[in-house]
């Protein structure tokens, strides 16, 4: 596996939990339309296509997004 892929996926021997659309929408205060709009604008993690007509988000990506929001609130000058 290439170094770039390893960097994006973390350790190769760990399973990264994934969230379905329904699970993501239960966690963030977005409608489905807003979620897709935020993804298209690059402000929310992009979903991965894991099977035909099936997408998911890595839980760690959603957590990192939330932490970025928290850091912006803590340091409003950013």
C-alpha atoms as a PDB file:
ATOM      1  CA  UNK A   1       0.000   0.000   0.000  1.00  0.00           C
ATOM      2  CA  UNK A   2       1.365   3.452  -0.811  1.00  0.00           C
ATOM      3  CA  UNK A   3       2.407   5.913   1.894  1.00  0.00           C
ATOM      4  CA  UNK A   4      -0.335   8.341   0.822  1.00  0.00           C
ATOM      5  CA  UNK A   5      -3.003   5.715   1.330  1.00  0.00           C
ATOM      6  CA  UNK A   6      -1.497   4.697   4.674  1.00  0.00           C
ATOM      7  CA  UNK A   7      -1.511   8.337   5.806  1.00  0.00           C
ATOM      8  CA  UNK A   8      -5.194   8.692   4.920  1.00  0.00           C
ATOM      9  CA  UNK A   9      -6.327   5.471   6.538  1.00  0.00           C
ATOM     10  CA  UNK A  10      -4.251   5.386   9.718  1.00  0.00           C
ATOM     11  CA  UNK A  11      -2.813   2.101  10.904  1.00  0.00           C
ATOM     12  CA  UNK A  12      -3.327  -0.750   8.510  1.00  0.00           C
ATOM     13  CA  UNK A  13      -4.305  -3.200  11.251  1.00  0.00           C
ATOM     14  CA  UNK A  14      -7.169  -1.131  12.670  1.00  0.00           C
ATOM     15  CA  UNK A  15     -10.777  -0.980  11.528  1.00  0.00           C
ATOM     16  CA  UNK A  16     -12.035   2.590  11.234  1.00  0.00           C
ATOM     17  CA  UNK A  17     -15.717   2.778  12.205  1.00  0.00           C
ATOM     18  CA  UNK A  18     -17.971   4.137   9.480  1.00  0.00           C
ATOM     19  CA  UNK A  19     -21.277   5.989   9.734  1.00  0.00           C
ATOM     20  CA  UNK A  20     -24.263   5.755   7.433  1.00  0.00           C
ATOM     21  CA  UNK A  21     -26.122   8.816   6.156  1.00  0.00           C
ATOM     22  CA  UNK A  22     -28.811   8.256   8.770  1.00  0.00           C
ATOM     23  CA  UNK A  23     -26.218   8.073  11.555  1.00  0.00           C
ATOM     24  CA  UNK A  24     -24.453  11.242  10.387  1.00  0.00           C
ATOM     25  CA  UNK A  25     -27.746  13.131  10.185  1.00  0.00           C
ATOM     26  CA  UNK A  26     -28.560  11.984  13.741  1.00  0.00           C
ATOM     27  CA  UNK A  27     -25.250  13.462  14.939  1.00  0.00           C
ATOM     28  CA  UNK A  28     -25.096  16.796  13.132  1.00  0.00           C
ATOM     29  CA  UNK A  29     -27.799  19.474  12.948  1.00  0.00           C
ATOM     30  CA  UNK A  30     -28.060  19.413   9.145  1.00  0.00           C
ATOM     31  CA  UNK A  31     -30.763  18.411   6.754  1.00  0.00           C
ATOM     32  CA  UNK A  32     -29.733  15.994   4.032  1.00  0.00           C
ATOM     33  CA  UNK A  33     -29.606  18.859   1.524  1.00  0.00           C
ATOM     34  CA  UNK A  34     -27.410  20.990   3.773  1.00  0.00           C
ATOM     35  CA  UNK A  35     -25.106  18.043   4.432  1.00  0.00           C
ATOM     36  CA  UNK A  36     -24.513  17.555   0.696  1.00  0.00           C
ATOM     37  CA  UNK A  37     -24.112  21.315   0.185  1.00  0.00           C
ATOM     38  CA  UNK A  38     -21.487  21.455   2.956  1.00  0.00           C
ATOM     39  CA  UNK A  39     -19.643  18.465   1.431  1.00  0.00           C
ATOM     40  CA  UNK A  40     -19.648  20.092  -2.004  1.00  0.00           C
ATOM     41  CA  UNK A  41     -18.271  23.313  -0.488  1.00  0.00           C
ATOM     42  CA  UNK A  42     -15.504  21.387   1.282  1.00  0.00           C
ATOM     43  CA  UNK A  43     -16.756  22.301   4.755  1.00  0.00           C
ATOM     44  CA  UNK A  44     -17.812  18.773   5.735  1.00  0.00           C
ATOM     45  CA  UNK A  45     -15.969  15.480   5.141  1.00  0.00           C
ATOM     46  CA  UNK A  46     -16.767  13.757   1.873  1.00  0.00           C
ATOM     47  CA  UNK A  47     -18.581  10.457   1.976  1.00  0.00           C
ATOM     48  CA  UNK A  48     -16.918   7.331   0.618  1.00  0.00           C
ATOM     49  CA  UNK A  49     -18.732   5.075  -1.804  1.00  0.00           C
ATOM     50  CA  UNK A  50     -18.458   1.673  -0.129  1.00  0.00           C
ATOM     51  CA  UNK A  51     -20.763  -0.235  -2.505  1.00  0.00           C
ATOM     52  CA  UNK A  52     -23.049   0.625  -5.402  1.00  0.00           C
ATOM     53  CA  UNK A  53     -25.617   3.141  -4.138  1.00  0.00           C
ATOM     54  CA  UNK A  54     -24.121   3.029  -0.627  1.00  0.00           C
ATOM     55  CA  UNK A  55     -22.009   5.737   1.022  1.00  0.00           C
ATOM     56  CA  UNK A  56     -20.485   6.150   4.463  1.00  0.00           C
ATOM     57  CA  UNK A  57     -18.299   8.526   6.426  1.00  0.00           C
ATOM     58  CA  UNK A  58     -15.388   7.593   8.622  1.00  0.00           C
ATOM     59  CA  UNK A  59     -16.350   8.406  12.184  1.00  0.00           C
ATOM     60  CA  UNK A  60     -12.881   9.895  12.729  1.00  0.00           C
ATOM     61  CA  UNK A  61     -13.438  12.357   9.843  1.00  0.00           C
ATOM     62  CA  UNK A  62     -16.711  13.570  11.365  1.00  0.00           C
ATOM     63  CA  UNK A  63     -15.009  13.900  14.765  1.00  0.00           C
ATOM     64  CA  UNK A  64     -12.157  15.921  13.206  1.00  0.00           C
ATOM     65  CA  UNK A  65     -14.742  18.223  11.557  1.00  0.00           C
ATOM     66  CA  UNK A  66     -16.388  18.768  14.945  1.00  0.00           C
ATOM     67  CA  UNK A  67     -13.041  19.495  16.581  1.00  0.00           C
ATOM     68  CA  UNK A  68     -12.264  22.095  13.883  1.00  0.00           C
ATOM     69  CA  UNK A  69     -15.541  23.826  14.726  1.00  0.00           C
ATOM     70  CA  UNK A  70     -14.652  23.754  18.423  1.00  0.00           C
ATOM     71  CA  UNK A  71     -11.227  25.261  17.722  1.00  0.00           C
ATOM     72  CA  UNK A  72     -12.814  28.074  15.672  1.00  0.00           C
ATOM     73  CA  UNK A  73     -15.107  28.888  18.606  1.00  0.00           C
ATOM     74  CA  UNK A  74     -12.174  28.826  21.045  1.00  0.00           C
ATOM     75  CA  UNK A  75     -10.047  31.011  18.702  1.00  0.00           C
ATOM     76  CA  UNK A  76     -12.501  33.209  16.765  1.00  0.00           C
ATOM     77  CA  UNK A  77      -9.673  34.996  14.932  1.00  0.00           C
ATOM     78  CA  UNK A  78      -9.061  31.860  12.756  1.00  0.00           C
END
